[in-house]
Amino acid sequence: MTFPSLANTSAQVRAGRLSPVDVVSDCLTKVDELQPKLNAFITVLADQAVAVAQLKRAGAIETG
């Protein structure tokens, strides 16, 4: 199982080649897929994560 690096993903979001919403969505999909096997999360705040990603995409918030 391989994942793109955080640095690469961040650069792609900054360049507009990836949407923050897509990144969060992909991560949440992976969490849903692996959680039954790994039981790694107590709480997943999916709705909040998507809401923040939507704000970022709209330019309503600045990050890093």
PDB file of N, CA and C in Angstrom:
ATOM      1  N   MET A   1       0.844  -1.158   0.000  1.00  0.00           N
ATOM      2  CA  MET A   1       0.000   0.000   0.000  1.00  0.00           C
ATOM      3  C   MET A   1       0.902   1.237   0.000  1.00  0.00           C
ATOM      4  N   THR A   2       0.788   2.068  -1.015  1.00  0.00           N
ATOM      5  CA  THR A   2       1.586   3.281  -1.078  1.00  0.00           C
ATOM      6  C   THR A   2       0.669   4.498  -1.124  1.00  0.00           C
ATOM      7  N   PHE A   3       1.173   5.575  -0.571  1.00  0.00           N
ATOM      8  CA  PHE A   3       0.433   6.825  -0.536  1.00  0.00           C
ATOM      9  C   PHE A   3       1.336   7.920  -1.085  1.00  0.00           C
ATOM     10  N   PRO A   4       0.754   8.926  -1.735  1.00  0.00           N
ATOM     11  CA  PRO A   4       1.595  10.044  -2.168  1.00  0.00           C
ATOM     12  C   PRO A   4       2.133  10.770  -0.943  1.00  0.00           C
ATOM     13  N   SER A   5       3.290  11.392  -1.096  1.00  0.00           N
ATOM     14  CA  SER A   5       3.870  12.106   0.041  1.00  0.00           C
ATOM     15  C   SER A   5       3.026  13.336   0.363  1.00  0.00           C
ATOM     16  N   LEU A   6       3.100  13.745   1.617  1.00  0.00           N
ATOM     17  CA  LEU A   6       2.387  14.947   2.038  1.00  0.00           C
ATOM     18  C   LEU A   6       2.925  16.173   1.305  1.00  0.00           C
ATOM     19  N   ALA A   7       4.222  16.218   1.110  1.00  0.00           N
ATOM     20  CA  ALA A   7       4.826  17.350   0.398  1.00  0.00           C
ATOM     21  C   ALA A   7       4.296  17.431  -1.035  1.00  0.00           C
ATOM     22  N   ASN A   8       4.206  16.296  -1.707  1.00  0.00           N
ATOM     23  CA  ASN A   8       3.695  16.254  -3.078  1.00  0.00           C
ATOM     24  C   ASN A   8       2.225  16.655  -3.113  1.00  0.00           C
ATOM     25  N   THR A   9       1.440  16.108  -2.201  1.00  0.00           N
ATOM     26  CA  THR A   9       0.012  16.422  -2.155  1.00  0.00           C
ATOM     27  C   THR A   9      -0.197  17.907  -1.892  1.00  0.00           C
ATOM     28  N   SER A  10       0.541  18.457  -0.941  1.00  0.00           N
ATOM     29  CA  SER A  10       0.442  19.876  -0.607  1.00  0.00           C
ATOM     30  C   SER A  10       0.796  20.754  -1.807  1.00  0.00           C
ATOM     31  N   ALA A  11       1.856  20.396  -2.503  1.00  0.00           N
ATOM     32  CA  ALA A  11       2.269  21.161  -3.689  1.00  0.00           C
ATOM     33  C   ALA A  11       1.195  21.113  -4.769  1.00  0.00           C
ATOM     34  N   GLN A  12       0.576  19.967  -4.936  1.00  0.00           N
ATOM     35  CA  GLN A  12      -0.476  19.827  -5.945  1.00  0.00           C
ATOM     36  C   GLN A  12      -1.708  20.647  -5.593  1.00  0.00           C
ATOM     37  N   VAL A  13      -2.046  20.709  -4.298  1.00  0.00           N
ATOM     38  CA  VAL A  13      -3.180  21.540  -3.860  1.00  0.00           C
ATOM     39  C   VAL A  13      -2.846  23.016  -4.105  1.00  0.00           C
ATOM     40  N   ARG A  14      -1.645  23.443  -3.713  1.00  0.00           N
ATOM     41  CA  ARG A  14      -1.243  24.847  -3.915  1.00  0.00           C
ATOM     42  C   ARG A  14      -1.256  25.222  -5.393  1.00  0.00           C
ATOM     43  N   ALA A  15      -0.880  24.289  -6.257  1.00  0.00           N
ATOM     44  CA  ALA A  15      -0.836  24.554  -7.699  1.00  0.00           C
ATOM     45  C   ALA A  15      -2.212  24.462  -8.353  1.00  0.00           C
ATOM     46  N   GLY A  16      -3.201  24.025  -7.596  1.00  0.00           N
ATOM     47  CA  GLY A  16      -4.550  23.917  -8.137  1.00  0.00           C
ATOM     48  C   GLY A  16      -4.812  22.642  -8.912  1.00  0.00           C
ATOM     49  N   ARG A  17      -3.881  21.698  -8.849  1.00  0.00           N
ATOM     50  CA  ARG A  17      -4.072  20.427  -9.553  1.00  0.00           C
ATOM     51  C   ARG A  17      -4.901  19.435  -8.742  1.00  0.00           C
ATOM     52  N   LEU A  18      -4.976  19.675  -7.445  1.00  0.00           N
ATOM     53  CA  LEU A  18      -5.815  18.855  -6.561  1.00  0.00           C
ATOM     54  C   LEU A  18      -6.660  19.786  -5.714  1.00  0.00           C
ATOM     55  N   SER A  19      -7.867  19.383  -5.456  1.00  0.00           N
ATOM     56  CA  SER A  19      -8.755  20.141  -4.582  1.00  0.00           C
ATOM     57  C   SER A  19      -8.584  19.640  -3.148  1.00  0.00           C
ATOM     58  N   PRO A  20      -8.607  20.547  -2.173  1.00  0.00           N
ATOM     59  CA  PRO A  20      -8.562  20.103  -0.783  1.00  0.00           C
ATOM     60  C   PRO A  20      -9.710  19.143  -0.458  1.00  0.00           C
ATOM     61  N   VAL A  21     -10.840  19.357  -1.091  1.00  0.00           N
ATOM     62  CA  VAL A  21     -11.997  18.483  -0.865  1.00  0.00           C
ATOM     63  C   VAL A  21     -11.693  17.078  -1.376  1.00  0.00           C
ATOM     64  N   ASP A  22     -11.048  16.986  -2.518  1.00  0.00           N
ATOM     65  CA  ASP A  22     -10.676  15.669  -3.059  1.00  0.00           C
ATOM     66  C   ASP A  22      -9.693  14.948  -2.147  1.00  0.00           C
ATOM     67  N   VAL A  23      -8.724  15.690  -1.614  1.00  0.00           N
ATOM     68  CA  VAL A  23      -7.736  15.089  -0.725  1.00  0.00           C
ATOM     69  C   VAL A  23      -8.412  14.550   0.530  1.00  0.00           C
ATOM     70  N   VAL A  24      -9.264  15.371   1.140  1.00  0.00           N
ATOM     71  CA  VAL A  24      -9.970  14.941   2.349  1.00  0.00           C
ATOM     72  C   VAL A  24     -10.869  13.753   2.038  1.00  0.00           C
ATOM     73  N   SER A  25     -11.554  13.823   0.927  1.00  0.00           N
ATOM     74  CA  SER A  25     -12.446  12.728   0.524  1.00  0.00           C
ATOM     75  C   SER A  25     -11.682  11.418   0.349  1.00  0.00           C
ATOM     76  N   ASP A  26     -10.531  11.491  -0.309  1.00  0.00           N
ATOM     77  CA  ASP A  26      -9.702  10.296  -0.504  1.00  0.00           C
ATOM     78  C   ASP A  26      -9.233   9.727   0.837  1.00  0.00           C
ATOM     79  N   CYS A  27      -8.836  10.622   1.737  1.00  0.00           N
ATOM     80  CA  CYS A  27      -8.393  10.175   3.062  1.00  0.00           C
ATOM     81  C   CYS A  27      -9.536   9.520   3.837  1.00  0.00           C
ATOM     82  N   LEU A  28     -10.712  10.119   3.775  1.00  0.00           N
ATOM     83  CA  LEU A  28     -11.863   9.542   4.484  1.00  0.00           C
ATOM     84  C   LEU A  28     -12.266   8.184   3.896  1.00  0.00           C
ATOM     85  N   THR A  29     -12.142   8.047   2.595  1.00  0.00           N
ATOM     86  CA  THR A  29     -12.423   6.761   1.956  1.00  0.00           C
ATOM     87  C   THR A  29     -11.458   5.699   2.478  1.00  0.00           C
ATOM     88  N   LYS A  30     -10.175   6.077   2.591  1.00  0.00           N
ATOM     89  CA  LYS A  30      -9.167   5.136   3.087  1.00  0.00           C
ATOM     90  C   LYS A  30      -9.433   4.783   4.547  1.00  0.00           C
ATOM     91  N   VAL A  31      -9.834   5.769   5.344  1.00  0.00           N
ATOM     92  CA  VAL A  31     -10.183   5.505   6.743  1.00  0.00           C
ATOM     93  C   VAL A  31     -11.341   4.510   6.807  1.00  0.00           C
ATOM     94  N   ASP A  32     -12.384   4.748   6.020  1.00  0.00           N
ATOM     95  CA  ASP A  32     -13.538   3.830   5.999  1.00  0.00           C
ATOM     96  C   ASP A  32     -13.124   2.418   5.605  1.00  0.00           C
ATOM     97  N   GLU A  33     -12.206   2.335   4.659  1.00  0.00           N
ATOM     98  CA  GLU A  33     -11.742   1.041   4.163  1.00  0.00           C
ATOM     99  C   GLU A  33     -10.923   0.285   5.220  1.00  0.00           C
ATOM    100  N   LEU A  34     -10.048   1.006   5.910  1.00  0.00           N
ATOM    101  CA  LEU A  34      -9.117   0.342   6.822  1.00  0.00           C
ATOM    102  C   LEU A  34      -9.587   0.250   8.277  1.00  0.00           C
ATOM    103  N   GLN A  35     -10.511   1.106   8.664  1.00  0.00           N
ATOM    104  CA  GLN A  35     -10.933   1.149  10.062  1.00  0.00           C
ATOM    105  C   GLN A  35     -11.419  -0.199  10.600  1.00  0.00           C
ATOM    106  N   PRO A  36     -12.237  -0.942   9.870  1.00  0.00           N
ATOM    107  CA  PRO A  36     -12.692  -2.224  10.424  1.00  0.00           C
ATOM    108  C   PRO A  36     -11.536  -3.184  10.744  1.00  0.00           C
ATOM    109  N   LYS A  37     -10.481  -3.112   9.970  1.00  0.00           N
ATOM    110  CA  LYS A  37      -9.337  -3.996  10.176  1.00  0.00           C
ATOM    111  C   LYS A  37      -8.375  -3.464  11.239  1.00  0.00           C
ATOM    112  N   LEU A  38      -8.121  -2.154  11.208  1.00  0.00           N
ATOM    113  CA  LEU A  38      -7.120  -1.568  12.089  1.00  0.00           C
ATOM    114  C   LEU A  38      -7.680  -1.064  13.414  1.00  0.00           C
ATOM    115  N   ASN A  39      -8.935  -0.652  13.402  1.00  0.00           N
ATOM    116  CA  ASN A  39      -9.566  -0.070  14.582  1.00  0.00           C
ATOM    117  C   ASN A  39      -8.666   1.020  15.170  1.00  0.00           C
ATOM    118  N   ALA A  40      -8.220   1.935  14.301  1.00  0.00           N
ATOM    119  CA  ALA A  40      -7.235   2.947  14.684  1.00  0.00           C
ATOM    120  C   ALA A  40      -7.856   4.257  15.162  1.00  0.00           C
ATOM    121  N   PHE A  41      -9.128   4.464  14.896  1.00  0.00           N
ATOM    122  CA  PHE A  41      -9.764   5.734  15.225  1.00  0.00           C
ATOM    123  C   PHE A  41     -10.913   5.531  16.196  1.00  0.00           C
ATOM    124  N   ILE A  42     -11.000   6.420  17.180  1.00  0.00           N
ATOM    125  CA  ILE A  42     -12.141   6.418  18.088  1.00  0.00           C
ATOM    126  C   ILE A  42     -13.255   7.259  17.477  1.00  0.00           C
ATOM    127  N   THR A  43     -12.883   8.431  16.970  1.00  0.00           N
ATOM    128  CA  THR A  43     -13.844   9.362  16.373  1.00  0.00           C
ATOM    129  C   THR A  43     -13.273   9.881  15.063  1.00  0.00           C
ATOM    130  N   VAL A  44     -14.086   9.877  14.033  1.00  0.00           N
ATOM    131  CA  VAL A  44     -13.702  10.461  12.751  1.00  0.00           C
ATOM    132  C   VAL A  44     -14.671  11.619  12.492  1.00  0.00           C
ATOM    133  N   LEU A  45     -14.138  12.816  12.421  1.00  0.00           N
ATOM    134  CA  LEU A  45     -14.955  14.013  12.226  1.00  0.00           C
ATOM    135  C   LEU A  45     -15.030  14.332  10.734  1.00  0.00           C
ATOM    136  N   ALA A  46     -15.652  13.436   9.992  1.00  0.00           N
ATOM    137  CA  ALA A  46     -15.699  13.534   8.536  1.00  0.00           C
ATOM    138  C   ALA A  46     -16.407  14.800   8.062  1.00  0.00           C
ATOM    139  N   ASP A  47     -17.564  15.098   8.626  1.00  0.00           N
ATOM    140  CA  ASP A  47     -18.313  16.280   8.180  1.00  0.00           C
ATOM    141  C   ASP A  47     -17.517  17.561   8.405  1.00  0.00           C
ATOM    142  N   GLN A  48     -16.868  17.649   9.553  1.00  0.00           N
ATOM    143  CA  GLN A  48     -16.074  18.831   9.849  1.00  0.00           C
ATOM    144  C   GLN A  48     -14.863  18.929   8.915  1.00  0.00           C
ATOM    145  N   ALA A  49     -14.240  17.813   8.636  1.00  0.00           N
ATOM    146  CA  ALA A  49     -13.078  17.806   7.743  1.00  0.00           C
ATOM    147  C   ALA A  49     -13.469  18.273   6.346  1.00  0.00           C
ATOM    148  N   VAL A  50     -14.587  17.786   5.849  1.00  0.00           N
ATOM    149  CA  VAL A  50     -15.063  18.193   4.519  1.00  0.00           C
ATOM    150  C   VAL A  50     -15.427  19.677   4.524  1.00  0.00           C
ATOM    151  N   ALA A  51     -16.068  20.151   5.588  1.00  0.00           N
ATOM    152  CA  ALA A  51     -16.451  21.564   5.674  1.00  0.00           C
ATOM    153  C   ALA A  51     -15.224  22.474   5.635  1.00  0.00           C
ATOM    154  N   VAL A  52     -14.178  22.113   6.359  1.00  0.00           N
ATOM    155  CA  VAL A  52     -12.952  22.924   6.359  1.00  0.00           C
ATOM    156  C   VAL A  52     -12.299  22.872   4.972  1.00  0.00           C
ATOM    157  N   ALA A  53     -12.288  21.722   4.340  1.00  0.00           N
ATOM    158  CA  ALA A  53     -11.717  21.601   2.992  1.00  0.00           C
ATOM    159  C   ALA A  53     -12.495  22.463   1.993  1.00  0.00           C
ATOM    160  N   GLN A  54     -13.810  22.514   2.140  1.00  0.00           N
ATOM    161  CA  GLN A  54     -14.627  23.353   1.258  1.00  0.00           C
ATOM    162  C   GLN A  54     -14.305  24.834   1.466  1.00  0.00           C
ATOM    163  N   LEU A  55     -14.114  25.231   2.717  1.00  0.00           N
ATOM    164  CA  LEU A  55     -13.731  26.620   2.998  1.00  0.00           C
ATOM    165  C   LEU A  55     -12.371  26.941   2.389  1.00  0.00           C
ATOM    166  N   LYS A  56     -11.445  26.015   2.516  1.00  0.00           N
ATOM    167  CA  LYS A  56     -10.113  26.204   1.937  1.00  0.00           C
ATOM    168  C   LYS A  56     -10.215  26.331   0.419  1.00  0.00           C
ATOM    169  N   ARG A  57     -10.995  25.461  -0.189  1.00  0.00           N
ATOM    170  CA  ARG A  57     -11.152  25.503  -1.654  1.00  0.00           C
ATOM    171  C   ARG A  57     -11.754  26.834  -2.094  1.00  0.00           C
ATOM    172  N   ALA A  58     -12.688  27.373  -1.298  1.00  0.00           N
ATOM    173  CA  ALA A  58     -13.337  28.632  -1.624  1.00  0.00           C
ATOM    174  C   ALA A  58     -12.457  29.847  -1.321  1.00  0.00           C
ATOM    175  N   GLY A  59     -11.305  29.606  -0.684  1.00  0.00           N
ATOM    176  CA  GLY A  59     -10.410  30.698  -0.346  1.00  0.00           C
ATOM    177  C   GLY A  59     -10.829  31.448   0.912  1.00  0.00           C
ATOM    178  N   ALA A  60     -11.745  30.866   1.656  1.00  0.00           N
ATOM    179  CA  ALA A  60     -12.254  31.529   2.866  1.00  0.00           C
ATOM    180  C   ALA A  60     -11.298  31.388   4.045  1.00  0.00           C
ATOM    181  N   ILE A  61     -10.363  30.459   3.962  1.00  0.00           N
ATOM    182  CA  ILE A  61      -9.365  30.314   5.024  1.00  0.00           C
ATOM    183  C   ILE A  61      -7.994  30.112   4.391  1.00  0.00           C
ATOM    184  N   GLU A  62      -6.994  30.549   5.098  1.00  0.00           N
ATOM    185  CA  GLU A  62      -5.602  30.348   4.688  1.00  0.00           C
ATOM    186  C   GLU A  62      -4.983  29.311   5.605  1.00  0.00           C
ATOM    187  N   THR A  63      -4.175  28.444   5.044  1.00  0.00           N
ATOM    188  CA  THR A  63      -3.433  27.466   5.841  1.00  0.00           C
ATOM    189  C   THR A  63      -1.992  27.492   5.394  1.00  0.00           C
ATOM    190  N   GLY A  64      -1.142  27.053   6.297  1.00  0.00           N
ATOM    191  CA  GLY A  64       0.296  26.914   6.056  1.00  0.00           C
ATOM    192  C   GLY A  64       0.758  27.682   4.929  1.00  0.00           C
TER     193      GLY A  64
END
